Amino acid sequence: MKSRKLLFIVIAASIISVLPGCISLPAEPNDPAYAPVYPATPKPAELNNGAIYQSGFEITLYEDRKAHRVGDIITIQLNESTRAKKEADTELSKNTDATVANPTVLGKTAKGLFGNDLSLSTTLSADREFEAETESEQSNSLSGNITVTVSEVLPNGLLKVRGEKWLTLNRGDEYIRITGMVRPDDIGPDNVVSSQKVADARITYSGRGELADSNTAGWITRLILSAFFPF
């Protein structure tokens, strides 16, 4: 009875500890972490000397109009491709043999002392073998374009960018989110930069709706497959 109660307590504790991680809320648009950043509205000059230009908002006729200020737009060309492969082959073996001869007491064995077939000789042997072979291979690719805004200009000139794109399809939504840092020299004349040149990139491609739910395992299945399941 006590063992059953202990087993029930262990299972209940496992379910309670894993259940919060199994239930995840779907992503929502307009997340503040990926919201666009708009350029600051220029303040009117206190002293109007008749000039039509304002410092920080000038445009040079002989340079490319590449993003370099907060609120500017950059197009990131997604060109991600990863492939990983791992193989492992392990084999362990151990053999043990031990023999203890029949001891003698005062020159006589147990059979001579007690007059029967009693013998204290012992032989031990043990064989252990372990073989394991694993193979894992995974490949992913992501291509497309996403236009983001400059959220901050760092003192060294790097541009922090962030943005998201939502697509509403027949039976659900799909979205792409990205954050990272871009070097102005890597931005092309057409204001496009490759995702492979985005430092500290965080790229998310996922969805929500019926199609996304059908490809997601239920929380009981995830509980059984998790490391917290005791059996």
C-alpha atoms as a PDB file:
ATOM      1  CA  MET A   1       0.000   0.000   0.000  1.00  0.00           C
ATOM      2  CA  LYS A   2       2.798   2.410   0.886  1.00  0.00           C
ATOM      3  CA  SER A   3       4.608   1.657  -2.361  1.00  0.00           C
ATOM      4  CA  ARG A   4       1.456   2.468  -4.341  1.00  0.00           C
ATOM      5  CA  LYS A   5       1.047   5.778  -2.541  1.00  0.00           C
ATOM      6  CA  LEU A   6       4.693   6.635  -3.183  1.00  0.00           C
ATOM      7  CA  LEU A   7       4.293   5.762  -6.864  1.00  0.00           C
ATOM      8  CA  PHE A   8       1.200   7.945  -7.121  1.00  0.00           C
ATOM      9  CA  ILE A   9       3.022  10.864  -5.487  1.00  0.00           C
ATOM     10  CA  VAL A  10       5.965  10.541  -7.894  1.00  0.00           C
ATOM     11  CA  ILE A  11       3.696  10.474 -10.956  1.00  0.00           C
ATOM     12  CA  ALA A  12       1.635  13.431  -9.704  1.00  0.00           C
ATOM     13  CA  ALA A  13       4.761  15.474  -8.979  1.00  0.00           C
ATOM     14  CA  SER A  14       6.117  14.717 -12.443  1.00  0.00           C
ATOM     15  CA  ILE A  15       2.882  15.825 -14.107  1.00  0.00           C
ATOM     16  CA  ILE A  16       2.724  19.039 -12.074  1.00  0.00           C
ATOM     17  CA  SER A  17       6.356  19.926 -12.842  1.00  0.00           C
ATOM     18  CA  VAL A  18       6.119  19.262 -16.575  1.00  0.00           C
ATOM     19  CA  LEU A  19       2.607  20.540 -17.249  1.00  0.00           C
ATOM     20  CA  PRO A  20       3.498  24.286 -17.244  1.00  0.00           C
ATOM     21  CA  GLY A  21       6.181  23.676 -19.851  1.00  0.00           C
ATOM     22  CA  CYS A  22       3.877  21.581 -22.015  1.00  0.00           C
ATOM     23  CA  ILE A  23       1.220  24.270 -22.256  1.00  0.00           C
ATOM     24  CA  SER A  24       2.492  27.164 -24.351  1.00  0.00           C
ATOM     25  CA  LEU A  25       0.423  30.074 -25.552  1.00  0.00           C
ATOM     26  CA  PRO A  26       0.415  30.766 -29.305  1.00  0.00           C
ATOM     27  CA  ALA A  27       2.317  33.760 -30.577  1.00  0.00           C
ATOM     28  CA  GLU A  28       0.408  36.962 -31.163  1.00  0.00           C
ATOM     29  CA  PRO A  29       1.116  39.754 -33.649  1.00  0.00           C
ATOM     30  CA  ASN A  30       2.299  43.195 -32.589  1.00  0.00           C
ATOM     31  CA  ASP A  31       4.731  41.828 -30.014  1.00  0.00           C
ATOM     32  CA  PRO A  32       6.560  44.824 -28.474  1.00  0.00           C
ATOM     33  CA  ALA A  33       9.868  42.989 -28.852  1.00  0.00           C
ATOM     34  CA  TYR A  34       9.416  43.021 -32.651  1.00  0.00           C
ATOM     35  CA  ALA A  35       7.375  46.211 -33.070  1.00  0.00           C
ATOM     36  CA  PRO A  36       8.614  48.693 -35.685  1.00  0.00           C
ATOM     37  CA  VAL A  37      10.507  51.752 -34.520  1.00  0.00           C
ATOM     38  CA  TYR A  38       9.594  55.077 -36.057  1.00  0.00           C
ATOM     39  CA  PRO A  39      12.057  57.937 -36.567  1.00  0.00           C
ATOM     40  CA  ALA A  40      12.018  60.738 -34.071  1.00  0.00           C
ATOM     41  CA  THR A  41      10.076  63.832 -35.075  1.00  0.00           C
ATOM     42  CA  PRO A  42      12.536  66.695 -35.566  1.00  0.00           C
ATOM     43  CA  LYS A  43      12.131  69.517 -33.127  1.00  0.00           C
ATOM     44  CA  PRO A  44      11.726  72.969 -34.647  1.00  0.00           C
ATOM     45  CA  ALA A  45      14.754  75.168 -34.316  1.00  0.00           C
ATOM     46  CA  GLU A  46      14.500  77.824 -31.661  1.00  0.00           C
ATOM     47  CA  LEU A  47      16.248  80.335 -33.893  1.00  0.00           C
ATOM     48  CA  ASN A  48      14.890  80.395 -37.436  1.00  0.00           C
ATOM     49  CA  ASN A  49      17.579  81.667 -39.746  1.00  0.00           C
ATOM     50  CA  GLY A  50      15.704  80.796 -42.924  1.00  0.00           C
ATOM     51  CA  ALA A  51      17.519  77.493 -43.588  1.00  0.00           C
ATOM     52  CA  ILE A  52      15.488  74.561 -44.956  1.00  0.00           C
ATOM     53  CA  TYR A  53      17.879  71.828 -43.781  1.00  0.00           C
ATOM     54  CA  GLN A  54      18.036  70.312 -40.325  1.00  0.00           C
ATOM     55  CA  SER A  55      21.013  68.577 -38.796  1.00  0.00           C
ATOM     56  CA  GLY A  56      20.758  64.794 -38.841  1.00  0.00           C
ATOM     57  CA  PHE A  57      18.116  64.664 -41.598  1.00  0.00           C
ATOM     58  CA  GLU A  58      20.159  65.786 -44.549  1.00  0.00           C
ATOM     59  CA  ILE A  59      20.463  63.692 -47.727  1.00  0.00           C
ATOM     60  CA  THR A  60      23.562  63.728 -49.891  1.00  0.00           C
ATOM     61  CA  LEU A  61      22.941  63.499 -53.619  1.00  0.00           C
ATOM     62  CA  TYR A  62      26.075  61.411 -54.224  1.00  0.00           C
ATOM     63  CA  GLU A  63      25.524  58.592 -51.762  1.00  0.00           C
ATOM     64  CA  ASP A  64      23.268  55.539 -51.686  1.00  0.00           C
ATOM     65  CA  ARG A  65      20.139  55.863 -49.603  1.00  0.00           C
ATOM     66  CA  LYS A  66      21.024  53.028 -47.277  1.00  0.00           C
ATOM     67  CA  ALA A  67      19.524  52.711 -43.827  1.00  0.00           C
ATOM     68  CA  HIS A  68      21.642  54.361 -41.148  1.00  0.00           C
ATOM     69  CA  ARG A  69      19.195  56.021 -38.750  1.00  0.00           C
ATOM     70  CA  VAL A  70      16.598  54.861 -36.238  1.00  0.00           C
ATOM     71  CA  GLY A  71      13.368  54.094 -38.055  1.00  0.00           C
ATOM     72  CA  ASP A  72      14.985  53.395 -41.428  1.00  0.00           C
ATOM     73  CA  ILE A  73      13.942  50.255 -43.289  1.00  0.00           C
ATOM     74  CA  ILE A  74      16.236  47.353 -44.251  1.00  0.00           C
ATOM     75  CA  THR A  75      15.314  44.301 -46.282  1.00  0.00           C
ATOM     76  CA  ILE A  76      16.905  41.101 -44.987  1.00  0.00           C
ATOM     77  CA  GLN A  77      17.300  38.295 -47.475  1.00  0.00           C
ATOM     78  CA  LEU A  78      16.785  35.004 -45.651  1.00  0.00           C
ATOM     79  CA  ASN A  79      19.286  32.476 -46.875  1.00  0.00           C
ATOM     80  CA  GLU A  80      19.685  29.968 -44.072  1.00  0.00           C
ATOM     81  CA  SER A  81      20.710  26.366 -44.576  1.00  0.00           C
ATOM     82  CA  THR A  82      22.007  24.049 -41.870  1.00  0.00           C
ATOM     83  CA  ARG A  83      22.862  20.376 -41.822  1.00  0.00           C
ATOM     84  CA  ALA A  84      24.089  18.284 -38.925  1.00  0.00           C
ATOM     85  CA  LYS A  85      24.997  14.618 -38.769  1.00  0.00           C
ATOM     86  CA  LYS A  86      26.225  12.563 -35.839  1.00  0.00           C
ATOM     87  CA  GLU A  87      27.136   8.919 -35.537  1.00  0.00           C
ATOM     88  CA  ALA A  88      28.223   6.960 -32.483  1.00  0.00           C
ATOM     89  CA  ASP A  89      29.152   3.291 -32.096  1.00  0.00           C
ATOM     90  CA  THR A  90      29.986   2.011 -28.613  1.00  0.00           C
ATOM     91  CA  GLU A  91      30.885  -1.511 -27.551  1.00  0.00           C
ATOM     92  CA  LEU A  92      31.893  -2.531 -24.029  1.00  0.00           C
ATOM     93  CA  SER A  93      32.702  -5.981 -22.689  1.00  0.00           C
ATOM     94  CA  LYS A  94      33.970  -7.354 -19.395  1.00  0.00           C
ATOM     95  CA  ASN A  95      34.730 -10.950 -18.400  1.00  0.00           C
ATOM     96  CA  THR A  96      35.414 -12.052 -14.828  1.00  0.00           C
ATOM     97  CA  ASP A  97      36.451 -15.515 -13.580  1.00  0.00           C
ATOM     98  CA  ALA A  98      37.234 -16.459  -9.984  1.00  0.00           C
ATOM     99  CA  THR A  99      37.932 -19.897  -8.495  1.00  0.00           C
ATOM    100  CA  VAL A 100      38.281 -20.713  -4.805  1.00  0.00           C
ATOM    101  CA  ALA A 101      39.751 -24.136  -4.097  1.00  0.00           C
ATOM    102  CA  ASN A 102      38.394 -26.428  -1.381  1.00  0.00           C
ATOM    103  CA  PRO A 103      40.185 -25.260   1.790  1.00  0.00           C
ATOM    104  CA  THR A 104      41.834 -27.635   4.235  1.00  0.00           C
ATOM    105  CA  VAL A 105      41.773 -27.602   8.036  1.00  0.00           C
ATOM    106  CA  LEU A 106      44.563 -29.486   9.800  1.00  0.00           C
ATOM    107  CA  GLY A 107      45.374 -31.149   6.518  1.00  0.00           C
ATOM    108  CA  LYS A 108      41.854 -32.358   5.881  1.00  0.00           C
ATOM    109  CA  THR A 109      39.135 -31.014   3.596  1.00  0.00           C
ATOM    110  CA  ALA A 110      35.518 -30.556   4.571  1.00  0.00           C
ATOM    111  CA  LYS A 111      34.726 -33.991   3.167  1.00  0.00           C
ATOM    112  CA  GLY A 112      37.369 -35.604   5.389  1.00  0.00           C
ATOM    113  CA  LEU A 113      36.190 -33.751   8.471  1.00  0.00           C
ATOM    114  CA  PHE A 114      32.458 -34.376   8.184  1.00  0.00           C
ATOM    115  CA  GLY A 115      32.490 -37.600   6.207  1.00  0.00           C
ATOM    116  CA  ASN A 116      30.176 -36.529   3.413  1.00  0.00           C
ATOM    117  CA  ASP A 117      30.355 -34.891   0.020  1.00  0.00           C
ATOM    118  CA  LEU A 118      30.531 -31.380   1.468  1.00  0.00           C
ATOM    119  CA  SER A 119      32.897 -29.164  -0.465  1.00  0.00           C
ATOM    120  CA  LEU A 120      33.719 -25.488   0.054  1.00  0.00           C
ATOM    121  CA  SER A 121      35.231 -24.913  -3.352  1.00  0.00           C
ATOM    122  CA  THR A 122      33.590 -22.097  -5.311  1.00  0.00           C
ATOM    123  CA  THR A 123      33.719 -20.946  -8.892  1.00  0.00           C
ATOM    124  CA  LEU A 124      32.442 -17.553 -10.029  1.00  0.00           C
ATOM    125  CA  SER A 125      32.120 -16.228 -13.560  1.00  0.00           C
ATOM    126  CA  ALA A 126      30.498 -13.162 -15.046  1.00  0.00           C
ATOM    127  CA  ASP A 127      30.217 -11.877 -18.594  1.00  0.00           C
ATOM    128  CA  ARG A 128      29.055  -8.378 -19.403  1.00  0.00           C
ATOM    129  CA  GLU A 129      28.491  -6.904 -22.827  1.00  0.00           C
ATOM    130  CA  PHE A 130      27.075  -3.580 -23.987  1.00  0.00           C
ATOM    131  CA  GLU A 131      26.557  -2.470 -27.556  1.00  0.00           C
ATOM    132  CA  ALA A 132      25.009   0.788 -28.716  1.00  0.00           C
ATOM    133  CA  GLU A 133      24.785   2.429 -32.099  1.00  0.00           C
ATOM    134  CA  THR A 134      23.174   5.795 -32.784  1.00  0.00           C
ATOM    135  CA  GLU A 135      22.817   7.919 -35.873  1.00  0.00           C
ATOM    136  CA  SER A 136      21.238  11.356 -36.143  1.00  0.00           C
ATOM    137  CA  GLU A 137      20.893  13.587 -39.182  1.00  0.00           C
ATOM    138  CA  GLN A 138      19.027  16.877 -39.494  1.00  0.00           C
ATOM    139  CA  SER A 139      18.809  19.522 -42.210  1.00  0.00           C
ATOM    140  CA  ASN A 140      16.901  22.816 -42.347  1.00  0.00           C
ATOM    141  CA  SER A 141      16.547  25.589 -44.890  1.00  0.00           C
ATOM    142  CA  LEU A 142      14.809  28.951 -44.920  1.00  0.00           C
ATOM    143  CA  SER A 143      14.620  31.398 -47.808  1.00  0.00           C
ATOM    144  CA  GLY A 144      12.687  34.559 -48.496  1.00  0.00           C
ATOM    145  CA  ASN A 145      12.728  38.235 -47.632  1.00  0.00           C
ATOM    146  CA  ILE A 146      11.593  40.216 -44.614  1.00  0.00           C
ATOM    147  CA  THR A 147      11.739  43.990 -44.216  1.00  0.00           C
ATOM    148  CA  VAL A 148      12.624  45.305 -40.761  1.00  0.00           C
ATOM    149  CA  THR A 149      13.334  48.638 -39.134  1.00  0.00           C
ATOM    150  CA  VAL A 150      16.399  50.008 -37.365  1.00  0.00           C
ATOM    151  CA  SER A 151      15.631  50.134 -33.657  1.00  0.00           C
ATOM    152  CA  GLU A 152      18.936  51.538 -32.398  1.00  0.00           C
ATOM    153  CA  VAL A 153      22.247  52.875 -33.681  1.00  0.00           C
ATOM    154  CA  LEU A 154      25.115  51.731 -31.487  1.00  0.00           C
ATOM    155  CA  PRO A 155      28.118  53.968 -30.714  1.00  0.00           C
ATOM    156  CA  ASN A 156      30.352  51.901 -33.024  1.00  0.00           C
ATOM    157  CA  GLY A 157      27.951  52.387 -35.932  1.00  0.00           C
ATOM    158  CA  LEU A 158      26.237  48.987 -35.872  1.00  0.00           C
ATOM    159  CA  LEU A 159      22.499  48.954 -36.505  1.00  0.00           C
ATOM    160  CA  LYS A 160      20.158  46.948 -34.311  1.00  0.00           C
ATOM    161  CA  VAL A 161      17.217  45.726 -36.376  1.00  0.00           C
ATOM    162  CA  ARG A 162      14.004  43.936 -35.577  1.00  0.00           C
ATOM    163  CA  GLY A 163      10.752  43.109 -37.272  1.00  0.00           C
ATOM    164  CA  GLU A 164       8.132  40.491 -38.048  1.00  0.00           C
ATOM    165  CA  LYS A 165       5.960  39.388 -40.967  1.00  0.00           C
ATOM    166  CA  TRP A 166       2.585  37.691 -40.602  1.00  0.00           C
ATOM    167  CA  LEU A 167       0.840  35.757 -43.352  1.00  0.00           C
ATOM    168  CA  THR A 168      -2.805  34.783 -42.955  1.00  0.00           C
ATOM    169  CA  LEU A 169      -3.538  31.614 -44.918  1.00  0.00           C
ATOM    170  CA  ASN A 170      -6.677  29.511 -45.352  1.00  0.00           C
ATOM    171  CA  ARG A 171      -6.471  27.520 -42.120  1.00  0.00           C
ATOM    172  CA  GLY A 172      -4.036  29.477 -39.990  1.00  0.00           C
ATOM    173  CA  ASP A 173      -1.307  32.087 -39.723  1.00  0.00           C
ATOM    174  CA  GLU A 174       2.412  31.908 -40.400  1.00  0.00           C
ATOM    175  CA  TYR A 175       4.952  34.405 -39.159  1.00  0.00           C
ATOM    176  CA  ILE A 176       8.643  35.234 -39.389  1.00  0.00           C
ATOM    177  CA  ARG A 177      10.457  37.178 -36.699  1.00  0.00           C
ATOM    178  CA  ILE A 178      14.036  38.373 -36.686  1.00  0.00           C
ATOM    179  CA  THR A 179      16.289  40.493 -34.511  1.00  0.00           C
ATOM    180  CA  GLY A 180      20.008  41.152 -34.725  1.00  0.00           C
ATOM    181  CA  MET A 181      22.755  43.618 -35.582  1.00  0.00           C
ATOM    182  CA  VAL A 182      23.820  44.725 -39.053  1.00  0.00           C
ATOM    183  CA  ARG A 183      27.019  46.410 -40.166  1.00  0.00           C
ATOM    184  CA  PRO A 184      26.298  49.331 -42.506  1.00  0.00           C
ATOM    185  CA  ASP A 185      29.091  48.205 -44.847  1.00  0.00           C
ATOM    186  CA  ASP A 186      27.235  44.911 -45.465  1.00  0.00           C
ATOM    187  CA  ILE A 187      24.114  46.668 -46.716  1.00  0.00           C
ATOM    188  CA  GLY A 188      23.919  46.675 -50.508  1.00  0.00           C
ATOM    189  CA  PRO A 189      23.032  49.662 -52.701  1.00  0.00           C
ATOM    190  CA  ASP A 190      19.475  48.314 -52.923  1.00  0.00           C
ATOM    191  CA  ASN A 191      19.223  48.418 -49.117  1.00  0.00           C
ATOM    192  CA  VAL A 192      19.313  44.605 -48.856  1.00  0.00           C
ATOM    193  CA  VAL A 193      21.505  42.552 -46.531  1.00  0.00           C
ATOM    194  CA  SER A 194      21.894  38.783 -46.290  1.00  0.00           C
ATOM    195  CA  SER A 195      20.735  37.063 -43.119  1.00  0.00           C
ATOM    196  CA  GLN A 196      24.133  35.349 -42.945  1.00  0.00           C
ATOM    197  CA  LYS A 197      25.657  38.766 -42.181  1.00  0.00           C
ATOM    198  CA  VAL A 198      23.271  39.561 -39.321  1.00  0.00           C
ATOM    199  CA  ALA A 199      25.141  39.292 -36.036  1.00  0.00           C
ATOM    200  CA  ASP A 200      23.475  37.758 -32.984  1.00  0.00           C
ATOM    201  CA  ALA A 201      20.513  36.844 -35.198  1.00  0.00           C
ATOM    202  CA  ARG A 202      17.342  35.432 -33.703  1.00  0.00           C
ATOM    203  CA  ILE A 203      15.158  34.056 -36.485  1.00  0.00           C
ATOM    204  CA  THR A 204      11.806  32.446 -35.765  1.00  0.00           C
ATOM    205  CA  TYR A 205       9.555  30.818 -38.333  1.00  0.00           C
ATOM    206  CA  SER A 206       6.395  29.256 -36.983  1.00  0.00           C
ATOM    207  CA  GLY A 207       2.631  29.436 -37.177  1.00  0.00           C
ATOM    208  CA  ARG A 208      -0.647  29.055 -35.380  1.00  0.00           C
ATOM    209  CA  GLY A 209      -4.034  27.638 -36.224  1.00  0.00           C
ATOM    210  CA  GLU A 210      -5.361  24.250 -37.241  1.00  0.00           C
ATOM    211  CA  LEU A 211      -2.357  23.239 -39.341  1.00  0.00           C
ATOM    212  CA  ALA A 212       0.117  24.153 -36.605  1.00  0.00           C
ATOM    213  CA  ASP A 213      -1.949  22.390 -33.949  1.00  0.00           C
ATOM    214  CA  SER A 214      -2.164  19.189 -36.002  1.00  0.00           C
ATOM    215  CA  ASN A 215       1.640  19.025 -36.147  1.00  0.00           C
ATOM    216  CA  THR A 216       2.039  19.472 -32.388  1.00  0.00           C
ATOM    217  CA  ALA A 217       2.004  16.548 -29.967  1.00  0.00           C
ATOM    218  CA  GLY A 218      -0.447  16.683 -27.082  1.00  0.00           C
ATOM    219  CA  TRP A 219       0.733  17.477 -23.579  1.00  0.00           C
ATOM    220  CA  ILE A 220       0.322  13.866 -22.404  1.00  0.00           C
ATOM    221  CA  THR A 221       2.512  12.634 -25.261  1.00  0.00           C
ATOM    222  CA  ARG A 222       5.105  15.284 -24.496  1.00  0.00           C
ATOM    223  CA  LEU A 223       4.994  14.302 -20.820  1.00  0.00           C
ATOM    224  CA  ILE A 224       5.684  10.658 -21.645  1.00  0.00           C
ATOM    225  CA  LEU A 225       8.548  11.583 -23.977  1.00  0.00           C
ATOM    226  CA  SER A 226      10.073  14.089 -21.570  1.00  0.00           C
ATOM    227  CA  ALA A 227      13.014  13.396 -19.270  1.00  0.00           C
ATOM    228  CA  PHE A 228      10.796  13.902 -16.211  1.00  0.00           C
ATOM    229  CA  PHE A 229       8.754  10.765 -16.875  1.00  0.00           C
ATOM    230  CA  PRO A 230      10.063   8.204 -14.358  1.00  0.00           C
ATOM    231  CA  PHE A 231       9.417   5.071 -16.452  1.00  0.00           C
END
